[in-house]
Amino acid sequence: MDSPLPTPVFARRHIAYACATLCCLLWGSSYPAIKSGYELFHIATDDIPSKVVFAGYRFLFAGALLLLFALAQRKPIARLSASQFGQLTLLGLTQTSLQYTFFYIGLAYTTGVNGSIMNATGTFFSVLLAHFIYHNDKLSYNKTLGCVLGFAGVMLVNFHGGLADFRFVWQGDGFVILAAFILSAATLYGKRISQTVDPTVMTGWQLAIGGLALLAGGYLTGGKLAVDSAAAVAVLAYLTLLSSVAFALWSALLKVNRVSMIAPFNFVIPVAGSVLSAIFLGENILEWKYAVALVLVCTGIAWVNKRAG
């Protein structure tokens, strides 16, 4: 039996759980928001450069918003050594530019429901990578079982019509999974940087740098963004806000908590993404495979986060 946690520790842990859940609810809502944005900005499915421009504006604005917030808190946003700025540039180019290039392209070739469940693989990647990087964050029976259950749920959504009909679209499902792996690896790198750079400042710079790189790449390859409605502006503003809040809060959580304690909350994302995609995009989640997949994925959360008895 585990001994009861002291009240302050118990309270801090549950505050961390609540903040992690909020981050994942926000990220889950990005699936229908992004797909709605494609329609509102008149971006065709095969128009990859314009998707990259769309992502670039989102993250540049989110980074600028966070840096302004840091300034309002009197945090030094430019007091960085050459080494620190180089680290932030690498983080921005991987966690934002590279990761979201794959993510935005992948989401264009799969449904919001599929994409949100596929992206849950990031949780398993985080737990597995932490095992090899941190001596106090090793795999256990509970974590291993949770990873197996979650992976089973993710793979289940690729069966269509029967267990013999397995479909996996590399440019859609594959790109979302690849984006999840890049995010997991970059997040662990960001955890190390956050020990010497304030998490808000770190997140602001990496989002801004990554967003600039996406904009440059998108426009240089022929991308464009047609803004002709208030609804389009509202979607971009929402995506900007959720990125700044969720990424800054997540970075702060990872700075003071073990990766394997926080990462499993990513499993909230497929639940939120599936439900919100069904509500706002009219996608069908009333299939047995989605119900079973979500149960497996959520059970994976419980096992990975379960304390050894």
C-alpha atoms as a PDB file:
ATOM      1  CA  MET A   1       0.000   0.000   0.000  1.00  0.00           C
ATOM      2  CA  ASP A   2       1.201   3.521  -0.814  1.00  0.00           C
ATOM      3  CA  SER A   3       1.405   5.891   2.129  1.00  0.00           C
ATOM      4  CA  PRO A   4      -0.924   8.892   1.868  1.00  0.00           C
ATOM      5  CA  LEU A   5       0.643  11.902   0.193  1.00  0.00           C
ATOM      6  CA  PRO A   6       1.194  15.003   2.380  1.00  0.00           C
ATOM      7  CA  THR A   7      -1.550  17.558   1.752  1.00  0.00           C
ATOM      8  CA  PRO A   8       0.672  20.157  -0.044  1.00  0.00           C
ATOM      9  CA  VAL A   9       2.137  17.470  -2.317  1.00  0.00           C
ATOM     10  CA  PHE A  10      -1.349  16.041  -2.975  1.00  0.00           C
ATOM     11  CA  ALA A  11      -2.649  19.514  -3.861  1.00  0.00           C
ATOM     12  CA  ARG A  12       0.289  20.331  -6.153  1.00  0.00           C
ATOM     13  CA  ARG A  13      -0.060  17.015  -7.957  1.00  0.00           C
ATOM     14  CA  HIS A  14      -3.764  17.548  -8.623  1.00  0.00           C
ATOM     15  CA  ILE A  15      -3.177  21.126  -9.776  1.00  0.00           C
ATOM     16  CA  ALA A  16      -0.617  19.713 -12.222  1.00  0.00           C
ATOM     17  CA  TYR A  17      -3.153  17.104 -13.363  1.00  0.00           C
ATOM     18  CA  ALA A  18      -5.795  19.815 -13.913  1.00  0.00           C
ATOM     19  CA  CYS A  19      -3.373  22.010 -15.902  1.00  0.00           C
ATOM     20  CA  ALA A  20      -2.218  19.054 -18.016  1.00  0.00           C
ATOM     21  CA  THR A  21      -5.843  18.156 -18.771  1.00  0.00           C
ATOM     22  CA  LEU A  22      -6.595  21.758 -19.793  1.00  0.00           C
ATOM     23  CA  CYS A  23      -3.629  21.757 -22.189  1.00  0.00           C
ATOM     24  CA  CYS A  24      -4.817  18.550 -23.816  1.00  0.00           C
ATOM     25  CA  LEU A  25      -8.409  19.765 -24.120  1.00  0.00           C
ATOM     26  CA  LEU A  26      -7.092  22.828 -25.937  1.00  0.00           C
ATOM     27  CA  TRP A  27      -4.919  20.721 -28.238  1.00  0.00           C
ATOM     28  CA  GLY A  28      -7.847  18.376 -28.888  1.00  0.00           C
ATOM     29  CA  SER A  29      -9.928  21.338 -30.046  1.00  0.00           C
ATOM     30  CA  SER A  30      -7.260  22.227 -32.618  1.00  0.00           C
ATOM     31  CA  TYR A  31      -8.270  19.319 -34.903  1.00  0.00           C
ATOM     32  CA  PRO A  32     -11.683  20.674 -35.908  1.00  0.00           C
ATOM     33  CA  ALA A  33     -10.331  24.246 -35.770  1.00  0.00           C
ATOM     34  CA  ILE A  34      -7.534  23.512 -38.258  1.00  0.00           C
ATOM     35  CA  LYS A  35      -9.804  21.625 -40.647  1.00  0.00           C
ATOM     36  CA  SER A  36     -12.366  24.458 -40.405  1.00  0.00           C
ATOM     37  CA  GLY A  37      -9.533  26.890 -41.108  1.00  0.00           C
ATOM     38  CA  TYR A  38      -8.665  25.071 -44.342  1.00  0.00           C
ATOM     39  CA  GLU A  39     -12.222  25.646 -45.519  1.00  0.00           C
ATOM     40  CA  LEU A  40     -12.523  29.255 -44.328  1.00  0.00           C
ATOM     41  CA  PHE A  41      -9.185  30.240 -45.860  1.00  0.00           C
ATOM     42  CA  HIS A  42     -10.026  28.326 -49.088  1.00  0.00           C
ATOM     43  CA  ILE A  43      -6.988  26.033 -48.831  1.00  0.00           C
ATOM     44  CA  ALA A  44      -7.246  22.983 -51.094  1.00  0.00           C
ATOM     45  CA  THR A  45      -6.283  19.538 -49.813  1.00  0.00           C
ATOM     46  CA  ASP A  46      -3.182  19.364 -52.012  1.00  0.00           C
ATOM     47  CA  ASP A  47      -2.124  22.995 -51.403  1.00  0.00           C
ATOM     48  CA  ILE A  48       0.692  22.198 -48.972  1.00  0.00           C
ATOM     49  CA  PRO A  49       2.478  25.600 -49.195  1.00  0.00           C
ATOM     50  CA  SER A  50      -0.686  27.455 -48.111  1.00  0.00           C
ATOM     51  CA  LYS A  51      -1.157  25.038 -45.206  1.00  0.00           C
ATOM     52  CA  VAL A  52       2.396  25.855 -44.106  1.00  0.00           C
ATOM     53  CA  VAL A  53       1.657  29.606 -44.355  1.00  0.00           C
ATOM     54  CA  PHE A  54      -1.489  29.093 -42.245  1.00  0.00           C
ATOM     55  CA  ALA A  55       0.565  27.288 -39.591  1.00  0.00           C
ATOM     56  CA  GLY A  56       3.292  29.922 -39.770  1.00  0.00           C
ATOM     57  CA  TYR A  57       0.978  32.815 -38.920  1.00  0.00           C
ATOM     58  CA  ARG A  58      -0.554  30.815 -36.075  1.00  0.00           C
ATOM     59  CA  PHE A  59       2.758  30.141 -34.355  1.00  0.00           C
ATOM     60  CA  LEU A  60       4.401  33.496 -35.097  1.00  0.00           C
ATOM     61  CA  PHE A  61       1.449  35.285 -33.482  1.00  0.00           C
ATOM     62  CA  ALA A  62       1.382  32.812 -30.568  1.00  0.00           C
ATOM     63  CA  GLY A  63       5.104  33.328 -29.939  1.00  0.00           C
ATOM     64  CA  ALA A  64       4.775  37.120 -30.092  1.00  0.00           C
ATOM     65  CA  LEU A  65       1.851  36.977 -27.667  1.00  0.00           C
ATOM     66  CA  LEU A  66       3.873  34.955 -25.164  1.00  0.00           C
ATOM     67  CA  LEU A  67       6.892  37.244 -25.423  1.00  0.00           C
ATOM     68  CA  LEU A  68       4.666  40.289 -24.794  1.00  0.00           C
ATOM     69  CA  PHE A  69       3.195  38.481 -21.782  1.00  0.00           C
ATOM     70  CA  ALA A  70       6.704  37.768 -20.491  1.00  0.00           C
ATOM     71  CA  LEU A  71       7.619  41.442 -20.914  1.00  0.00           C
ATOM     72  CA  ALA A  72       4.503  42.452 -18.959  1.00  0.00           C
ATOM     73  CA  GLN A  73       5.773  40.197 -16.155  1.00  0.00           C
ATOM     74  CA  ARG A  74       9.155  41.986 -16.340  1.00  0.00           C
ATOM     75  CA  LYS A  75      10.923  38.862 -17.536  1.00  0.00           C
ATOM     76  CA  PRO A  76      14.064  39.447 -19.640  1.00  0.00           C
ATOM     77  CA  ILE A  77      13.234  38.097 -23.084  1.00  0.00           C
ATOM     78  CA  ALA A  78      16.479  39.133 -24.810  1.00  0.00           C
ATOM     79  CA  ARG A  79      18.987  38.242 -22.115  1.00  0.00           C
ATOM     80  CA  LEU A  80      20.108  35.068 -23.830  1.00  0.00           C
ATOM     81  CA  SER A  81      23.585  33.764 -24.519  1.00  0.00           C
ATOM     82  CA  ALA A  82      24.564  32.709 -28.052  1.00  0.00           C
ATOM     83  CA  SER A  83      24.349  29.093 -26.905  1.00  0.00           C
ATOM     84  CA  GLN A  84      20.842  29.548 -25.468  1.00  0.00           C
ATOM     85  CA  PHE A  85      19.589  31.303 -28.600  1.00  0.00           C
ATOM     86  CA  GLY A  86      21.017  28.476 -30.701  1.00  0.00           C
ATOM     87  CA  GLN A  87      19.173  25.947 -28.540  1.00  0.00           C
ATOM     88  CA  LEU A  88      15.910  27.892 -28.889  1.00  0.00           C
ATOM     89  CA  THR A  89      16.386  28.096 -32.660  1.00  0.00           C
ATOM     90  CA  LEU A  90      16.889  24.325 -32.897  1.00  0.00           C
ATOM     91  CA  LEU A  91      13.837  23.775 -30.676  1.00  0.00           C
ATOM     92  CA  GLY A  92      11.712  26.098 -32.811  1.00  0.00           C
ATOM     93  CA  LEU A  93      12.773  24.479 -36.081  1.00  0.00           C
ATOM     94  CA  THR A  94      11.984  20.978 -34.785  1.00  0.00           C
ATOM     95  CA  GLN A  95       9.098  21.330 -32.308  1.00  0.00           C
ATOM     96  CA  THR A  96       7.246  23.945 -34.356  1.00  0.00           C
ATOM     97  CA  SER A  97       8.425  24.067 -37.995  1.00  0.00           C
ATOM     98  CA  LEU A  98       9.200  20.431 -38.788  1.00  0.00           C
ATOM     99  CA  GLN A  99       6.607  18.883 -36.505  1.00  0.00           C
ATOM    100  CA  TYR A 100       3.723  21.041 -37.677  1.00  0.00           C
ATOM    101  CA  THR A 101       4.651  20.718 -41.346  1.00  0.00           C
ATOM    102  CA  PHE A 102       4.047  16.972 -41.039  1.00  0.00           C
ATOM    103  CA  PHE A 103       1.019  17.510 -38.776  1.00  0.00           C
ATOM    104  CA  TYR A 104      -0.819  19.980 -41.050  1.00  0.00           C
ATOM    105  CA  ILE A 105      -0.158  17.893 -44.158  1.00  0.00           C
ATOM    106  CA  GLY A 106      -1.196  14.688 -42.395  1.00  0.00           C
ATOM    107  CA  LEU A 107      -4.417  16.194 -41.075  1.00  0.00           C
ATOM    108  CA  ALA A 108      -5.393  17.182 -44.613  1.00  0.00           C
ATOM    109  CA  TYR A 109      -5.319  13.515 -45.701  1.00  0.00           C
ATOM    110  CA  THR A 110      -7.132  11.969 -42.758  1.00  0.00           C
ATOM    111  CA  THR A 111     -10.179  12.778 -40.627  1.00  0.00           C
ATOM    112  CA  GLY A 112     -10.101  14.858 -37.457  1.00  0.00           C
ATOM    113  CA  VAL A 113     -11.113  11.764 -35.473  1.00  0.00           C
ATOM    114  CA  ASN A 114      -8.365   9.580 -36.966  1.00  0.00           C
ATOM    115  CA  GLY A 115      -5.799  12.347 -36.616  1.00  0.00           C
ATOM    116  CA  SER A 116      -6.558  12.967 -32.954  1.00  0.00           C
ATOM    117  CA  ILE A 117      -6.245   9.264 -32.106  1.00  0.00           C
ATOM    118  CA  MET A 118      -3.078   8.804 -34.201  1.00  0.00           C
ATOM    119  CA  ASN A 119      -1.473  11.758 -32.471  1.00  0.00           C
ATOM    120  CA  ALA A 120      -1.834   9.936 -29.139  1.00  0.00           C
ATOM    121  CA  THR A 121       1.222   7.906 -30.117  1.00  0.00           C
ATOM    122  CA  GLY A 122       3.203  10.915 -28.910  1.00  0.00           C
ATOM    123  CA  THR A 123       2.468   9.878 -25.340  1.00  0.00           C
ATOM    124  CA  PHE A 124       4.070   6.478 -25.837  1.00  0.00           C
ATOM    125  CA  PHE A 125       7.060   8.000 -27.597  1.00  0.00           C
ATOM    126  CA  SER A 126       7.557  10.371 -24.635  1.00  0.00           C
ATOM    127  CA  VAL A 127       7.401   7.549 -22.081  1.00  0.00           C
ATOM    128  CA  LEU A 128       9.755   5.349 -24.116  1.00  0.00           C
ATOM    129  CA  LEU A 129      12.274   8.125 -24.801  1.00  0.00           C
ATOM    130  CA  ALA A 130      12.246   9.205 -21.151  1.00  0.00           C
ATOM    131  CA  HIS A 131      13.231   5.643 -20.192  1.00  0.00           C
ATOM    132  CA  PHE A 132      16.506   6.016 -22.110  1.00  0.00           C
ATOM    133  CA  ILE A 133      17.213   9.647 -21.146  1.00  0.00           C
ATOM    134  CA  TYR A 134      16.283   9.987 -17.445  1.00  0.00           C
ATOM    135  CA  HIS A 135      17.576   7.585 -14.800  1.00  0.00           C
ATOM    136  CA  ASN A 136      14.551   8.319 -12.542  1.00  0.00           C
ATOM    137  CA  ASP A 137      11.920   7.810 -15.252  1.00  0.00           C
ATOM    138  CA  LYS A 138      12.323   4.166 -16.240  1.00  0.00           C
ATOM    139  CA  LEU A 139       9.726   1.893 -17.786  1.00  0.00           C
ATOM    140  CA  SER A 140       7.703  -0.216 -15.375  1.00  0.00           C
ATOM    141  CA  TYR A 141       5.099  -2.951 -15.778  1.00  0.00           C
ATOM    142  CA  ASN A 142       2.294  -0.359 -15.556  1.00  0.00           C
ATOM    143  CA  LYS A 143       3.885   1.952 -18.123  1.00  0.00           C
ATOM    144  CA  THR A 144       4.606  -0.908 -20.515  1.00  0.00           C
ATOM    145  CA  LEU A 145       1.048  -2.258 -20.283  1.00  0.00           C
ATOM    146  CA  GLY A 146      -0.351   1.238 -20.770  1.00  0.00           C
ATOM    147  CA  CYS A 147       1.762   1.744 -23.893  1.00  0.00           C
ATOM    148  CA  VAL A 148       0.662  -1.586 -25.358  1.00  0.00           C
ATOM    149  CA  LEU A 149      -3.033  -0.816 -24.735  1.00  0.00           C
ATOM    150  CA  GLY A 150      -2.726   2.655 -26.205  1.00  0.00           C
ATOM    151  CA  PHE A 151      -0.913   1.474 -29.318  1.00  0.00           C
ATOM    152  CA  ALA A 152      -3.616  -1.154 -29.815  1.00  0.00           C
ATOM    153  CA  GLY A 153      -6.251   1.570 -29.709  1.00  0.00           C
ATOM    154  CA  VAL A 154      -4.366   3.702 -32.211  1.00  0.00           C
ATOM    155  CA  MET A 155      -3.960   0.840 -34.677  1.00  0.00           C
ATOM    156  CA  LEU A 156      -7.608  -0.178 -34.350  1.00  0.00           C
ATOM    157  CA  VAL A 157      -8.855   2.979 -36.099  1.00  0.00           C
ATOM    158  CA  ASN A 158      -7.105   1.823 -39.291  1.00  0.00           C
ATOM    159  CA  PHE A 159      -9.367  -1.205 -39.700  1.00  0.00           C
ATOM    160  CA  HIS A 160     -12.262  -0.595 -42.097  1.00  0.00           C
ATOM    161  CA  GLY A 161     -15.198  -2.943 -42.503  1.00  0.00           C
ATOM    162  CA  GLY A 162     -13.454  -5.811 -40.745  1.00  0.00           C
ATOM    163  CA  LEU A 163     -10.223  -6.949 -39.159  1.00  0.00           C
ATOM    164  CA  ALA A 164      -8.948  -8.163 -42.538  1.00  0.00           C
ATOM    165  CA  ASP A 165      -9.300  -4.688 -44.085  1.00  0.00           C
ATOM    166  CA  PHE A 166      -6.411  -2.642 -42.655  1.00  0.00           C
ATOM    167  CA  ARG A 167      -5.696   0.729 -44.289  1.00  0.00           C
ATOM    168  CA  PHE A 168      -2.877   3.049 -43.385  1.00  0.00           C
ATOM    169  CA  VAL A 169      -2.411   6.229 -45.424  1.00  0.00           C
ATOM    170  CA  TRP A 170       1.236   7.253 -45.067  1.00  0.00           C
ATOM    171  CA  GLN A 171       0.684  10.873 -46.150  1.00  0.00           C
ATOM    172  CA  GLY A 172      -2.199  11.151 -43.686  1.00  0.00           C
ATOM    173  CA  ASP A 173      -1.972   8.780 -40.706  1.00  0.00           C
ATOM    174  CA  GLY A 174       1.770   8.260 -41.117  1.00  0.00           C
ATOM    175  CA  PHE A 175       2.590  11.966 -41.165  1.00  0.00           C
ATOM    176  CA  VAL A 176       0.514  12.561 -38.007  1.00  0.00           C
ATOM    177  CA  ILE A 177       2.421   9.772 -36.208  1.00  0.00           C
ATOM    178  CA  LEU A 178       5.754  11.128 -37.465  1.00  0.00           C
ATOM    179  CA  ALA A 179       4.762  14.580 -36.181  1.00  0.00           C
ATOM    180  CA  ALA A 180       3.951  13.036 -32.793  1.00  0.00           C
ATOM    181  CA  PHE A 181       7.405  11.446 -32.592  1.00  0.00           C
ATOM    182  CA  ILE A 182       9.165  14.703 -33.498  1.00  0.00           C
ATOM    183  CA  LEU A 183       7.110  16.560 -30.877  1.00  0.00           C
ATOM    184  CA  SER A 184       7.970  13.995 -28.194  1.00  0.00           C
ATOM    185  CA  ALA A 185      11.697  14.184 -28.888  1.00  0.00           C
ATOM    186  CA  ALA A 186      11.658  17.993 -29.077  1.00  0.00           C
ATOM    187  CA  THR A 187       9.639  18.250 -25.853  1.00  0.00           C
ATOM    188  CA  LEU A 188      12.303  16.312 -23.956  1.00  0.00           C
ATOM    189  CA  TYR A 189      14.926  18.665 -25.405  1.00  0.00           C
ATOM    190  CA  GLY A 190      12.781  21.609 -24.317  1.00  0.00           C
ATOM    191  CA  LYS A 191      12.594  20.203 -20.783  1.00  0.00           C
ATOM    192  CA  ARG A 192      16.384  20.467 -20.583  1.00  0.00           C
ATOM    193  CA  ILE A 193      16.410  24.045 -21.920  1.00  0.00           C
ATOM    194  CA  SER A 194      13.706  25.094 -19.434  1.00  0.00           C
ATOM    195  CA  GLN A 195      16.148  24.467 -16.585  1.00  0.00           C
ATOM    196  CA  THR A 196      18.122  27.560 -17.644  1.00  0.00           C
ATOM    197  CA  VAL A 197      15.549  29.620 -19.582  1.00  0.00           C
ATOM    198  CA  ASP A 198      12.149  30.726 -18.232  1.00  0.00           C
ATOM    199  CA  PRO A 199       9.466  28.422 -19.746  1.00  0.00           C
ATOM    200  CA  THR A 200       7.340  31.328 -21.006  1.00  0.00           C
ATOM    201  CA  VAL A 201      10.334  33.002 -22.681  1.00  0.00           C
ATOM    202  CA  MET A 202      11.519  29.661 -24.067  1.00  0.00           C
ATOM    203  CA  THR A 203       8.115  28.830 -25.529  1.00  0.00           C
ATOM    204  CA  GLY A 204       7.623  32.316 -26.935  1.00  0.00           C
ATOM    205  CA  TRP A 205      10.928  32.279 -28.806  1.00  0.00           C
ATOM    206  CA  GLN A 206      10.594  28.729 -30.110  1.00  0.00           C
ATOM    207  CA  LEU A 207       7.070  29.386 -31.426  1.00  0.00           C
ATOM    208  CA  ALA A 208       8.079  32.697 -33.031  1.00  0.00           C
ATOM    209  CA  ILE A 209      11.232  31.249 -34.640  1.00  0.00           C
ATOM    210  CA  GLY A 210       9.372  28.158 -35.831  1.00  0.00           C
ATOM    211  CA  GLY A 211       6.505  30.272 -37.143  1.00  0.00           C
ATOM    212  CA  LEU A 212       8.878  32.529 -39.114  1.00  0.00           C
ATOM    213  CA  ALA A 213      10.523  29.488 -40.676  1.00  0.00           C
ATOM    214  CA  LEU A 214       7.118  28.084 -41.677  1.00  0.00           C
ATOM    215  CA  LEU A 215       6.058  31.411 -43.207  1.00  0.00           C
ATOM    216  CA  ALA A 216       9.277  31.712 -45.190  1.00  0.00           C
ATOM    217  CA  GLY A 217       9.036  28.140 -46.458  1.00  0.00           C
ATOM    218  CA  GLY A 218       5.343  28.468 -47.301  1.00  0.00           C
ATOM    219  CA  TYR A 219       5.617  31.728 -49.223  1.00  0.00           C
ATOM    220  CA  LEU A 220       8.814  30.692 -51.045  1.00  0.00           C
ATOM    221  CA  THR A 221       7.044  27.598 -52.364  1.00  0.00           C
ATOM    222  CA  GLY A 222       3.989  29.539 -53.591  1.00  0.00           C
ATOM    223  CA  GLY A 223       1.694  29.520 -50.571  1.00  0.00           C
ATOM    224  CA  LYS A 224      -0.878  32.214 -49.886  1.00  0.00           C
ATOM    225  CA  LEU A 225      -3.623  32.981 -47.389  1.00  0.00           C
ATOM    226  CA  ALA A 226      -6.889  34.614 -48.456  1.00  0.00           C
ATOM    227  CA  VAL A 227      -8.566  36.393 -45.540  1.00  0.00           C
ATOM    228  CA  ASP A 228     -12.096  37.329 -46.571  1.00  0.00           C
ATOM    229  CA  SER A 229     -14.261  36.626 -43.530  1.00  0.00           C
ATOM    230  CA  ALA A 230     -14.462  37.385 -39.824  1.00  0.00           C
ATOM    231  CA  ALA A 231     -14.889  33.660 -39.164  1.00  0.00           C
ATOM    232  CA  ALA A 232     -11.471  32.948 -40.715  1.00  0.00           C
ATOM    233  CA  VAL A 233      -9.843  35.593 -38.502  1.00  0.00           C
ATOM    234  CA  ALA A 234     -11.640  34.163 -35.461  1.00  0.00           C
ATOM    235  CA  VAL A 235     -10.336  30.633 -36.152  1.00  0.00           C
ATOM    236  CA  LEU A 236      -6.769  31.906 -36.569  1.00  0.00           C
ATOM    237  CA  ALA A 237      -7.089  33.950 -33.355  1.00  0.00           C
ATOM    238  CA  TYR A 238      -8.369  30.910 -31.453  1.00  0.00           C
ATOM    239  CA  LEU A 239      -5.547  28.695 -32.721  1.00  0.00           C
ATOM    240  CA  THR A 240      -3.037  31.398 -31.773  1.00  0.00           C
ATOM    241  CA  LEU A 241      -4.422  31.685 -28.249  1.00  0.00           C
ATOM    242  CA  LEU A 242      -4.629  27.955 -27.592  1.00  0.00           C
ATOM    243  CA  SER A 243      -1.047  27.468 -28.817  1.00  0.00           C
ATOM    244  CA  SER A 244       0.380  30.176 -26.567  1.00  0.00           C
ATOM    245  CA  VAL A 245      -1.522  29.043 -23.468  1.00  0.00           C
ATOM    246  CA  ALA A 246      -1.123  25.284 -23.922  1.00  0.00           C
ATOM    247  CA  PHE A 247       2.550  25.246 -24.903  1.00  0.00           C
ATOM    248  CA  ALA A 248       3.632  27.672 -22.162  1.00  0.00           C
ATOM    249  CA  LEU A 249       1.687  25.785 -19.496  1.00  0.00           C
ATOM    250  CA  TRP A 250       2.953  22.401 -20.710  1.00  0.00           C
ATOM    251  CA  SER A 251       6.574  23.607 -20.678  1.00  0.00           C
ATOM    252  CA  ALA A 252       6.154  24.864 -17.112  1.00  0.00           C
ATOM    253  CA  LEU A 253       4.680  21.516 -16.048  1.00  0.00           C
ATOM    254  CA  LEU A 254       7.511  19.523 -17.618  1.00  0.00           C
ATOM    255  CA  LYS A 255      10.105  21.714 -15.923  1.00  0.00           C
ATOM    256  CA  VAL A 256       9.064  20.566 -12.436  1.00  0.00           C
ATOM    257  CA  ASN A 257       7.517  17.117 -13.085  1.00  0.00           C
ATOM    258  CA  ARG A 258       8.658  13.789 -14.495  1.00  0.00           C
ATOM    259  CA  VAL A 259       7.848  13.278 -18.165  1.00  0.00           C
ATOM    260  CA  SER A 260       6.033   9.991 -17.456  1.00  0.00           C
ATOM    261  CA  MET A 261       3.747  11.780 -14.952  1.00  0.00           C
ATOM    262  CA  ILE A 262       2.616  14.497 -17.385  1.00  0.00           C
ATOM    263  CA  ALA A 263       2.874  12.825 -20.816  1.00  0.00           C
ATOM    264  CA  PRO A 264       0.006  10.329 -20.283  1.00  0.00           C
ATOM    265  CA  PHE A 265      -2.476  13.207 -20.183  1.00  0.00           C
ATOM    266  CA  ASN A 266      -1.922  13.465 -23.929  1.00  0.00           C
ATOM    267  CA  PHE A 267      -4.429  10.631 -24.128  1.00  0.00           C
ATOM    268  CA  VAL A 268      -7.117  13.226 -23.346  1.00  0.00           C
ATOM    269  CA  ILE A 269      -6.408  14.736 -26.785  1.00  0.00           C
ATOM    270  CA  PRO A 270      -7.964  11.924 -28.877  1.00  0.00           C
ATOM    271  CA  VAL A 271     -11.104  11.961 -26.737  1.00  0.00           C
ATOM    272  CA  ALA A 272     -11.497  15.725 -27.025  1.00  0.00           C
ATOM    273  CA  GLY A 273     -10.474  15.732 -30.690  1.00  0.00           C
ATOM    274  CA  SER A 274     -12.906  12.947 -31.611  1.00  0.00           C
ATOM    275  CA  VAL A 275     -15.888  14.441 -29.793  1.00  0.00           C
ATOM    276  CA  LEU A 276     -15.254  17.986 -31.037  1.00  0.00           C
ATOM    277  CA  SER A 277     -14.658  16.780 -34.611  1.00  0.00           C
ATOM    278  CA  ALA A 278     -17.991  14.981 -34.467  1.00  0.00           C
ATOM    279  CA  ILE A 279     -19.736  18.107 -33.141  1.00  0.00           C
ATOM    280  CA  PHE A 280     -18.177  20.760 -35.377  1.00  0.00           C
ATOM    281  CA  LEU A 281     -17.233  18.793 -38.505  1.00  0.00           C
ATOM    282  CA  GLY A 282     -20.061  16.261 -38.526  1.00  0.00           C
ATOM    283  CA  GLU A 283     -17.611  13.342 -38.571  1.00  0.00           C
ATOM    284  CA  ASN A 284     -18.908   9.953 -37.551  1.00  0.00           C
ATOM    285  CA  ILE A 285     -17.693   8.546 -34.239  1.00  0.00           C
ATOM    286  CA  LEU A 286     -20.612   6.152 -33.814  1.00  0.00           C
ATOM    287  CA  GLU A 287     -18.584   3.154 -34.971  1.00  0.00           C
ATOM    288  CA  TRP A 288     -17.528   0.342 -32.672  1.00  0.00           C
ATOM    289  CA  LYS A 289     -13.846   0.771 -33.560  1.00  0.00           C
ATOM    290  CA  TYR A 290     -13.778   4.386 -32.346  1.00  0.00           C
ATOM    291  CA  ALA A 291     -15.474   3.478 -29.074  1.00  0.00           C
ATOM    292  CA  VAL A 292     -13.080   0.562 -28.445  1.00  0.00           C
ATOM    293  CA  ALA A 293     -10.050   2.618 -29.551  1.00  0.00           C
ATOM    294  CA  LEU A 294     -10.885   5.449 -27.164  1.00  0.00           C
ATOM    295  CA  VAL A 295     -11.437   2.978 -24.303  1.00  0.00           C
ATOM    296  CA  LEU A 296      -8.055   1.351 -24.982  1.00  0.00           C
ATOM    297  CA  VAL A 297      -6.287   4.702 -25.256  1.00  0.00           C
ATOM    298  CA  CYS A 298      -7.845   6.047 -22.056  1.00  0.00           C
ATOM    299  CA  THR A 299      -7.096   2.802 -20.223  1.00  0.00           C
ATOM    300  CA  GLY A 300      -3.508   3.300 -21.347  1.00  0.00           C
ATOM    301  CA  ILE A 301      -3.497   6.659 -19.533  1.00  0.00           C
ATOM    302  CA  ALA A 302      -4.675   5.038 -16.333  1.00  0.00           C
ATOM    303  CA  TRP A 303      -2.043   2.281 -16.424  1.00  0.00           C
ATOM    304  CA  VAL A 304       0.893   4.510 -17.390  1.00  0.00           C
ATOM    305  CA  ASN A 305      -0.016   6.939 -14.603  1.00  0.00           C
ATOM    306  CA  LYS A 306      -0.860   4.247 -12.017  1.00  0.00           C
ATOM    307  CA  ARG A 307       1.453   4.173  -9.032  1.00  0.00           C
ATOM    308  CA  ALA A 308       2.971   0.814  -8.227  1.00  0.00           C
ATOM    309  CA  GLY A 309       1.166  -0.959  -5.394  1.00  0.00           C
END
